[in-house]
Amino acid sequence: MRWIRAAGRGLLVLVVVLAGYVASGAQAREGAEGGRGPLTLATAGDLTGYLGPLLEGWNRAHPDERVTLVELPDSADETRAQMATDLRGGDRSRFDVLNIDVNWTPEFAAAGWIRPLPRDRFPLGAFLPPVVGTATYAGRLYAVPYVTNAGLLLYRKDVLAKEGLPPPRTWAELERQARTVAPEYGLDGYAGQFLPYEGLTVNAAEAVYSAGGTILGDEGERVTVDSAAAREGIGFLARGVREGWIPKEALTYKEEESKQAFQDGRLLFLRNWPYAYVGASAEGSRVAGKVGAVPLPGPDGPGTSVLGGSNLAVSTHARHPDSAARLIAYLTSERVQRQVLTRGALPPVRAALYDDPGLVRKFPYLPTLRESVLAAAPRPKSPHYGQVSLAVQAVVHDAMTGRQTPEAAVRRLARELAAISRR
């Protein structure tokens, strides 16, 4: 689904808007805990239609707090821009509960747009440990994890089986197979999401992290990208385009375009979110029954994925904060999280679901996904994340298109991030 992928998944936003504007702006600013009322839940690109049935269950049980579904743009960047514009309106904001990309939590919290939440009201101990960290800022809980995600390497298991090869665990193995095996079968070698947008930020961060580097430290206050590891990671991506085992067409790919290329039988390897495995394995896909998934490779072994997904947060100006918290608790309950996976093919945050034998039979990638999530790292935390992401996208794209060497690109990125951190 597009509203979670972009970020990568990335990552479209589900927004709950309280329709009953009965509380005064002053009450909202004071964060009154009383008050329940109807809700409007806005989402973008609910392509599988899973969300409607979940909300029907809520509405039957809570007739005085009914949720109406509303769609927003299907671009994560556009949705974030619309949300930010609205939230800057203070008590005129329409938004009460926000399903935000995991990397927006620091930005929204630092801006004062979302309120801290009591940890004891939500079952955080039942979640996969890394996802809880995406919901915190400056040591406080500002959101509740709803959906998680981690990048996987999808591969044509039929092709590798014919060659007697295991799936690659290192960059060298990936490069060799993408360069030599793929052409023998009329395939391109490897692709990710390389168009200059949030997906490229994710792919670049994964390359840097897998090489042992970082981009920012101290929640955006320290720039750490100028390192040998960052040069190695960005160099891996640039080398792929230069040598041809990453096709130039991949420089135009977002999640959906890259998924389509893989399931149409044009790629040997693809970095994408788990939803792409489901689509490529479904009836009608040219590669159904021929798809495998493993953790992303790195220089010397398994690499590091970026942690994707979304978190549910309550606006500072929420009119019915009790209803908002109750809806969040419902959407993160084990019963509903199971449906998030089975109806929407979205990775749940509840750890126990990854060990459920029935779910593993239906979604065989779950053990690999759990491994990847537990080893994943968040994108750089910063209250200026939007600007950070734009800088990463522009610089890495220039390196991949050959406009700058990886070494020059890393130095430029360090300078640009330093300027952003001083704002």
Protein backbone atom coordinates (compact mmCIF):
# COMPACT_ATOMS: atom_id res chain seq x y z
CA MET A 1 0.00 0.00 0.00
CA ARG A 2 1.32 3.39 -1.01
CA TRP A 3 0.46 5.18 2.21
CA ILE A 4 2.90 3.02 4.20
CA ARG A 5 5.55 2.20 1.65
CA ALA A 6 7.26 5.39 0.81
CA ALA A 7 9.62 5.39 3.36
CA GLY A 8 8.97 3.99 2.53
CA ARG A 9 7.52 3.07 2.61
CA GLY A 10 7.37 4.53 3.09
CA LEU A 11 4.78 6.00 3.93
CA LEU A 12 1.51 7.83 3.41
CA VAL A 13 -0.27 9.38 6.36
CA LEU A 14 -3.49 8.40 7.99
CA VAL A 15 -5.07 11.35 9.77
CA VAL A 16 -7.89 11.29 12.23
CA VAL A 17 -9.81 14.54 12.24
CA LEU A 18 -12.29 15.18 14.98
CA ALA A 19 -15.52 16.40 13.44
CA GLY A 20 -17.05 17.57 16.72
CA TYR A 21 -15.42 20.91 17.46
CA VAL A 22 -17.06 21.23 20.87
CA ALA A 23 -14.04 22.01 23.00
CA SER A 24 -12.65 25.52 22.98
CA GLY A 25 -9.19 26.31 21.69
CA ALA A 26 -8.10 27.07 25.23
CA GLN A 27 -9.25 23.64 26.42
CA ALA A 28 -7.36 22.04 23.57
CA ARG A 29 -4.19 23.92 24.43
CA GLU A 30 -4.50 22.83 28.05
CA GLY A 31 -4.81 19.22 26.86
CA ALA A 32 -8.08 18.37 28.62
CA GLU A 33 -8.34 14.60 28.95
CA GLY A 34 -12.14 14.46 28.92
CA GLY A 35 -14.47 14.41 25.96
CA ARG A 36 -15.39 11.84 23.38
CA GLY A 37 -16.93 12.34 20.01
CA PRO A 38 -17.03 11.35 16.33
CA LEU A 39 -13.80 11.13 14.40
CA THR A 40 -12.79 11.59 10.79
CA LEU A 41 -9.93 9.40 9.70
CA ALA A 42 -8.17 10.49 6.53
CA THR A 43 -5.82 8.21 4.61
CA ALA A 44 -4.20 8.12 1.21
CA GLY A 45 -4.06 5.24 -1.23
CA ASP A 46 -5.82 2.47 0.74
CA LEU A 47 -5.41 0.23 -2.28
CA THR A 48 -6.27 -3.05 -0.56
CA GLY A 49 -9.37 -1.66 1.14
CA TYR A 50 -8.40 -3.20 4.48
CA LEU A 51 -9.04 -0.12 6.59
CA GLY A 52 -12.79 0.17 6.04
CA PRO A 53 -13.61 -3.16 7.74
CA LEU A 54 -11.38 -2.26 10.70
CA LEU A 55 -13.25 1.00 11.18
CA GLU A 56 -16.60 -0.74 10.83
CA GLY A 57 -15.64 -2.80 13.86
CA TRP A 58 -14.76 0.36 15.79
CA ASN A 59 -17.99 2.09 14.76
CA ARG A 60 -20.18 -0.81 15.85
CA ALA A 61 -18.57 -0.82 19.29
CA HIS A 62 -18.38 2.98 19.64
CA PRO A 63 -21.49 4.54 18.07
CA ASP A 64 -20.85 7.89 19.77
CA GLU A 65 -17.27 8.01 18.45
CA ARG A 66 -17.86 6.98 14.86
CA VAL A 67 -14.96 7.30 12.42
CA THR A 68 -15.49 8.60 8.88
CA LEU A 69 -12.80 7.67 6.35
CA VAL A 70 -11.33 10.49 4.22
CA GLU A 71 -8.51 10.18 1.67
CA LEU A 72 -5.49 12.49 1.39
CA PRO A 73 -2.92 12.64 -1.46
CA ASP A 74 -1.09 9.39 -2.13
CA SER A 75 2.36 11.03 -1.95
CA ALA A 76 4.05 10.99 1.45
CA ASP A 77 5.80 14.28 0.70
CA GLU A 78 2.53 15.97 -0.29
CA THR A 79 0.71 14.56 2.73
CA ARG A 80 3.39 15.79 5.11
CA ALA A 81 3.26 19.24 3.52
CA GLN A 82 -0.52 19.40 3.91
CA MET A 83 -0.33 18.24 7.50
CA ALA A 84 2.39 20.75 8.38
CA THR A 85 0.44 23.61 6.81
CA ASP A 86 -2.67 22.69 8.77
CA LEU A 87 -0.89 22.14 12.07
CA ARG A 88 0.78 25.53 11.84
CA GLY A 89 -2.73 26.96 12.10
CA GLY A 90 -2.75 26.32 15.85
CA ASP A 91 -6.19 25.84 17.36
CA ARG A 92 -7.70 26.23 13.90
CA SER A 93 -6.14 22.89 12.94
CA ARG A 94 -8.58 20.20 11.78
CA PHE A 95 -6.24 17.36 12.72
CA ASP A 96 -6.57 15.46 15.98
CA VAL A 97 -4.86 12.10 15.51
CA LEU A 98 -2.07 11.76 12.96
CA ASN A 99 -0.59 8.61 11.51
CA ILE A 100 2.85 9.98 10.71
CA ASP A 101 5.86 8.43 9.06
CA VAL A 102 8.19 7.11 11.74
CA ASN A 103 10.77 9.72 10.86
CA TRP A 104 8.45 12.67 11.32
CA THR A 105 8.08 12.18 15.08
CA PRO A 106 11.06 14.40 16.07
CA GLU A 107 10.07 17.15 13.65
CA PHE A 108 6.43 17.23 14.75
CA ALA A 109 7.36 17.01 18.43
CA ALA A 110 10.01 19.76 18.23
CA ALA A 111 7.52 22.01 16.43
CA GLY A 112 4.98 21.53 19.22
CA TRP A 113 2.41 19.98 16.87
CA ILE A 114 1.92 16.73 18.79
CA ARG A 115 1.58 16.12 22.52
CA PRO A 116 3.52 13.74 24.79
CA LEU A 117 1.64 10.54 25.60
CA PRO A 118 1.56 8.49 28.84
CA ARG A 119 3.58 5.32 28.34
CA ASP A 120 1.42 3.27 30.69
CA ARG A 121 -1.67 3.71 28.53
CA PHE A 122 -0.26 1.66 25.65
CA PRO A 123 1.22 -1.89 25.49
CA LEU A 124 4.70 -0.84 24.42
CA GLY A 125 6.27 -3.95 25.92
CA ALA A 126 4.39 -6.12 23.41
CA PHE A 127 5.93 -4.34 20.41
CA LEU A 128 9.13 -5.16 18.56
CA PRO A 129 11.74 -3.16 20.54
CA PRO A 130 13.17 -1.00 17.73
CA VAL A 131 9.79 0.43 16.76
CA VAL A 132 9.28 2.10 20.14
CA GLY A 133 12.36 4.24 19.62
CA THR A 134 10.81 5.75 16.48
CA ALA A 135 7.96 7.13 18.60
CA THR A 136 10.14 9.04 21.06
CA TYR A 137 11.86 12.41 21.05
CA ALA A 138 14.04 13.97 23.74
CA GLY A 139 13.32 11.02 26.02
CA ARG A 140 9.51 11.30 25.85
CA LEU A 141 6.84 9.26 24.06
CA TYR A 142 5.12 11.38 21.40
CA ALA A 143 3.43 8.65 19.35
CA VAL A 144 2.46 4.98 19.38
CA PRO A 145 3.86 2.57 16.74
CA TYR A 146 1.18 1.34 14.35
CA VAL A 147 2.94 -0.29 11.38
CA THR A 148 6.60 -1.19 11.02
CA ASN A 149 8.68 -2.00 7.97
CA ALA A 150 12.17 -2.97 6.93
CA GLY A 151 13.78 -3.29 3.54
CA LEU A 152 14.31 -6.79 2.10
CA LEU A 153 16.27 -8.10 -0.86
CA LEU A 154 13.87 -9.90 -3.20
CA TYR A 155 15.45 -12.30 -5.68
CA ARG A 156 14.54 -14.75 -8.42
CA LYS A 157 15.01 -18.04 -6.62
CA ASP A 158 14.37 -20.00 -9.82
CA VAL A 159 17.29 -18.31 -11.57
CA LEU A 160 19.71 -18.73 -8.66
CA ALA A 161 18.65 -22.37 -8.26
CA LYS A 162 19.48 -23.07 -11.93
CA GLU A 163 22.91 -21.54 -11.35
CA GLY A 164 23.43 -23.43 -8.08
CA LEU A 165 23.90 -20.16 -6.20
CA PRO A 166 22.66 -19.06 -2.79
CA PRO A 167 21.15 -15.57 -2.46
CA PRO A 168 23.83 -12.92 -1.90
CA ARG A 169 24.90 -12.03 1.63
CA THR A 170 27.51 -9.43 0.67
CA TRP A 171 27.74 -6.55 -1.76
CA ALA A 172 30.45 -8.38 -3.71
CA GLU A 173 28.19 -11.40 -4.22
CA LEU A 174 25.29 -9.16 -5.23
CA GLU A 175 27.44 -7.23 -7.72
CA ARG A 176 28.88 -10.40 -9.23
CA GLN A 177 25.51 -12.11 -9.70
CA ALA A 178 23.83 -8.92 -10.95
CA ARG A 179 26.65 -8.34 -13.45
CA THR A 180 27.13 -11.90 -14.72
CA VAL A 181 24.03 -14.02 -14.05
CA ALA A 182 21.28 -11.50 -14.81
CA PRO A 183 22.27 -10.87 -18.46
CA GLU A 184 22.27 -14.61 -19.21
CA TYR A 185 18.54 -14.64 -18.44
CA GLY A 186 17.73 -11.36 -20.15
CA LEU A 187 17.35 -9.56 -16.81
CA ASP A 188 18.60 -6.33 -15.32
CA GLY A 189 20.70 -6.84 -12.21
CA TYR A 190 19.60 -4.79 -9.23
CA ALA A 191 17.26 -1.92 -8.43
CA GLY A 192 15.93 0.03 -5.50
CA GLN A 193 14.09 3.32 -5.23
CA PHE A 194 16.49 5.79 -6.82
CA LEU A 195 14.31 8.68 -7.97
CA PRO A 196 15.17 11.81 -5.92
CA TYR A 197 12.45 11.52 -3.25
CA GLU A 198 12.14 10.00 0.21
CA GLY A 199 12.82 6.53 -1.14
CA LEU A 200 16.30 7.55 -2.26
CA THR A 201 17.01 8.89 1.23
CA VAL A 202 16.09 5.45 2.58
CA ASN A 203 18.25 3.57 0.07
CA ALA A 204 21.21 5.90 0.67
CA ALA A 205 20.90 5.63 4.45
CA GLU A 206 20.81 1.83 4.20
CA ALA A 207 23.99 1.83 2.12
CA VAL A 208 25.78 4.13 4.58
CA TYR A 209 24.54 2.20 7.64
CA SER A 210 25.44 -1.16 6.09
CA ALA A 211 29.01 0.06 5.63
CA GLY A 212 29.15 1.01 9.31
CA GLY A 213 28.54 4.74 8.96
CA THR A 214 25.97 7.25 10.15
CA ILE A 215 24.56 10.53 8.83
CA LEU A 216 23.57 12.53 11.91
CA GLY A 217 24.03 12.11 15.65
CA ASP A 218 22.54 13.60 18.79
CA GLU A 219 19.06 13.94 17.21
CA GLY A 220 20.36 16.11 14.40
CA GLU A 221 22.76 18.31 16.35
CA ARG A 222 25.93 16.63 15.06
CA VAL A 223 26.87 15.82 11.44
CA THR A 224 28.65 12.45 11.14
CA VAL A 225 28.37 11.66 7.43
CA ASP A 226 31.90 12.65 6.38
CA SER A 227 33.43 9.20 6.82
CA ALA A 228 35.03 6.36 4.90
CA ALA A 229 31.88 4.28 5.52
CA ALA A 230 29.63 6.88 3.90
CA ARG A 231 31.96 7.10 0.90
CA GLU A 232 31.88 3.31 0.60
CA GLY A 233 28.09 3.15 0.83
CA ILE A 234 27.39 5.90 -1.70
CA GLY A 235 30.17 4.53 -3.86
CA PHE A 236 28.41 1.14 -3.97
CA LEU A 237 25.29 2.76 -5.45
CA ALA A 238 27.22 4.99 -7.88
CA ARG A 239 29.37 2.08 -9.06
CA GLY A 240 26.28 0.03 -9.86
CA VAL A 241 24.96 2.63 -12.28
CA ARG A 242 28.37 3.28 -13.78
CA GLU A 243 29.04 -0.42 -14.38
CA GLY A 244 25.51 -1.16 -15.58
CA TRP A 245 24.34 -3.76 -13.06
CA ILE A 246 21.97 -1.07 -11.77
CA PRO A 247 20.00 -0.06 -14.88
CA LYS A 248 19.74 3.67 -15.59
CA GLU A 249 15.97 3.24 -15.66
CA ALA A 250 16.14 2.55 -11.92
CA LEU A 251 17.03 6.23 -11.41
CA THR A 252 13.32 6.88 -12.15
CA TYR A 253 11.97 4.21 -9.79
CA LYS A 254 9.83 4.74 -6.71
CA GLU A 255 8.40 1.79 -4.76
CA GLU A 256 5.65 0.95 -7.21
CA GLU A 257 7.72 1.25 -10.38
CA SER A 258 10.46 -0.95 -8.96
CA LYS A 259 7.93 -3.54 -7.74
CA GLN A 260 6.33 -3.64 -11.17
CA ALA A 261 9.68 -4.14 -12.88
CA PHE A 262 10.43 -7.10 -10.60
CA GLN A 263 7.04 -8.78 -10.87
CA ASP A 264 7.06 -8.30 -14.64
CA GLY A 265 10.19 -10.45 -14.70
CA ARG A 266 12.72 -7.74 -15.59
CA LEU A 267 14.98 -7.84 -12.51
CA LEU A 268 17.12 -10.42 -10.77
CA PHE A 269 17.30 -8.48 -7.48
CA LEU A 270 15.16 -5.78 -5.91
CA ARG A 271 15.41 -3.84 -2.66
CA ASN A 272 11.87 -3.04 -1.51
CA TRP A 273 9.44 -3.30 1.41
CA PRO A 274 7.61 -6.57 2.19
CA TYR A 275 4.48 -5.49 0.33
CA ALA A 276 6.46 -6.01 -2.90
CA TYR A 277 7.00 -9.68 -1.97
CA VAL A 278 3.24 -10.10 -1.57
CA GLY A 279 2.53 -8.45 -4.93
CA ALA A 280 5.22 -10.40 -6.77
CA SER A 281 3.95 -13.68 -5.31
CA ALA A 282 0.29 -13.05 -6.09
CA GLU A 283 -1.73 -14.63 -8.85
CA GLY A 284 -1.14 -12.77 -12.11
CA SER A 285 2.48 -11.92 -11.36
CA ARG A 286 4.91 -13.30 -13.93
CA VAL A 287 7.24 -14.38 -11.13
CA ALA A 288 4.68 -15.92 -8.76
CA GLY A 289 6.25 -18.92 -7.03
CA LYS A 290 9.73 -17.81 -8.07
CA VAL A 291 10.41 -15.16 -5.41
CA GLY A 292 12.71 -15.37 -2.40
CA ALA A 293 13.53 -12.79 0.27
CA VAL A 294 16.60 -12.32 2.45
CA PRO A 295 18.00 -9.47 4.56
CA LEU A 296 19.79 -6.72 2.68
CA PRO A 297 23.47 -7.52 2.06
CA GLY A 298 26.35 -5.36 3.25
CA PRO A 299 30.09 -5.16 2.58
CA ASP A 300 31.00 -8.18 4.70
CA GLY A 301 27.66 -9.84 5.49
CA PRO A 302 24.07 -8.87 6.21
CA GLY A 303 23.53 -5.14 5.96
CA THR A 304 21.29 -2.73 7.84
CA SER A 305 17.81 -1.76 6.75
CA VAL A 306 16.18 1.55 7.52
CA LEU A 307 13.24 1.17 9.86
CA GLY A 308 10.04 2.16 8.08
CA GLY A 309 6.39 2.31 9.01
CA SER A 310 4.16 4.80 10.76
CA ASN A 311 3.22 6.03 14.22
CA LEU A 312 -0.05 7.37 15.62
CA ALA A 313 0.22 10.74 17.34
CA VAL A 314 -2.27 13.13 18.95
CA SER A 315 -2.32 16.76 17.85
CA THR A 316 -1.58 19.39 20.48
CA HIS A 317 -4.97 20.90 19.61
CA ALA A 318 -6.96 17.67 19.68
CA ARG A 319 -10.59 18.32 20.57
CA HIS A 320 -11.29 14.88 22.01
CA PRO A 321 -7.99 13.50 23.30
CA ASP A 322 -9.66 10.64 25.15
CA SER A 323 -11.35 9.41 21.98
CA ALA A 324 -8.06 9.85 20.14
CA ALA A 325 -6.19 7.70 22.66
CA ARG A 326 -8.92 5.06 22.62
CA LEU A 327 -8.77 4.83 18.83
CA ILE A 328 -4.98 4.45 18.96
CA ALA A 329 -5.32 1.66 21.52
CA TYR A 330 -7.84 -0.08 19.26
CA LEU A 331 -5.66 0.16 16.14
CA THR A 332 -2.64 -1.21 18.01
CA SER A 333 -4.48 -4.06 19.75
CA GLU A 334 -3.34 -7.58 18.87
CA ARG A 335 -6.65 -8.48 17.19
CA VAL A 336 -6.57 -5.44 14.90
CA GLN A 337 -2.83 -5.71 14.26
CA ARG A 338 -3.45 -9.24 13.00
CA GLN A 339 -5.95 -7.81 10.51
CA VAL A 340 -3.51 -5.08 9.49
CA LEU A 341 -1.29 -7.93 8.29
CA THR A 342 -3.88 -10.33 6.88
CA ARG A 343 -6.12 -7.71 5.21
CA GLY A 344 -3.56 -5.05 4.32
CA ALA A 345 -0.28 -7.03 4.01
CA LEU A 346 1.31 -4.41 6.29
CA PRO A 347 3.92 -5.47 8.87
CA PRO A 348 2.47 -5.30 12.40
CA VAL A 349 4.29 -3.90 15.42
CA ARG A 350 3.17 -6.70 17.75
CA ALA A 351 6.11 -9.08 18.26
CA ALA A 352 4.00 -12.19 18.97
CA LEU A 353 2.45 -12.16 15.50
CA TYR A 354 5.82 -12.90 13.90
CA ASP A 355 5.91 -16.27 15.71
CA ASP A 356 2.35 -17.30 14.82
CA PRO A 357 2.60 -20.55 12.77
CA GLY A 358 -0.55 -19.79 10.77
CA LEU A 359 0.65 -16.34 9.81
CA VAL A 360 4.12 -17.61 8.88
CA ARG A 361 2.53 -20.18 6.55
CA LYS A 362 0.55 -17.42 4.84
CA PHE A 363 3.38 -14.86 4.90
CA PRO A 364 6.62 -16.88 4.67
CA TYR A 365 8.79 -13.75 4.70
CA LEU A 366 7.81 -12.94 8.34
CA PRO A 367 10.87 -14.56 10.00
CA THR A 368 13.19 -12.69 7.61
CA LEU A 369 11.28 -9.47 8.18
CA ARG A 370 11.50 -9.86 11.97
CA GLU A 371 15.26 -10.36 11.66
CA SER A 372 15.54 -7.26 9.50
CA VAL A 373 13.38 -5.11 11.79
CA LEU A 374 15.35 -6.12 14.88
CA ALA A 375 18.61 -5.16 13.13
CA ALA A 376 17.23 -2.01 11.47
CA ALA A 377 18.16 1.58 12.24
CA PRO A 378 16.01 4.73 11.98
CA ARG A 379 16.64 7.43 9.42
CA PRO A 380 18.57 10.41 10.80
CA LYS A 381 16.63 12.02 13.64
CA SER A 382 16.31 15.77 13.23
CA PRO A 383 13.74 18.48 13.91
CA HIS A 384 14.63 19.65 10.37
CA TYR A 385 14.16 16.24 8.81
CA GLY A 386 12.44 17.47 5.66
CA GLN A 387 15.45 19.60 4.75
CA VAL A 388 17.86 16.81 5.71
CA SER A 389 16.08 14.36 3.41
CA LEU A 390 16.07 16.80 0.49
CA ALA A 391 19.83 17.31 0.87
CA VAL A 392 20.52 13.56 0.94
CA GLN A 393 18.35 12.96 -2.13
CA ALA A 394 19.99 15.67 -4.21
CA VAL A 395 23.56 14.78 -3.32
CA VAL A 396 23.22 11.00 -3.72
CA HIS A 397 21.38 11.39 -7.01
CA ASP A 398 24.24 13.52 -8.33
CA ALA A 399 26.69 10.79 -7.30
CA MET A 400 24.63 8.05 -8.95
CA THR A 401 24.29 10.00 -12.20
CA GLY A 402 28.02 10.71 -12.28
CA ARG A 403 27.77 14.47 -11.73
CA GLN A 404 30.00 14.15 -8.64
CA THR A 405 32.34 11.51 -7.32
CA PRO A 406 31.21 9.75 -4.14
CA GLU A 407 34.05 11.47 -2.27
CA ALA A 408 32.97 14.95 -3.41
CA ALA A 409 29.32 14.10 -2.77
CA VAL A 410 30.00 13.13 0.84
CA ARG A 411 31.96 16.31 1.51
CA ARG A 412 29.16 18.39 -0.02
CA LEU A 413 26.52 16.56 2.00
CA ALA A 414 28.45 17.20 5.21
CA ARG A 415 28.54 20.92 4.46
CA GLU A 416 24.85 21.11 3.62
CA LEU A 417 23.79 19.16 6.71
CA ALA A 418 25.95 21.35 8.92
CA ALA A 419 24.19 24.44 7.53
CA ILE A 420 20.79 22.85 8.16
CA SER A 421 21.66 21.92 11.75
CA ARG A 422 22.56 25.56 12.52
CA ARG A 423 19.12 26.86 11.54
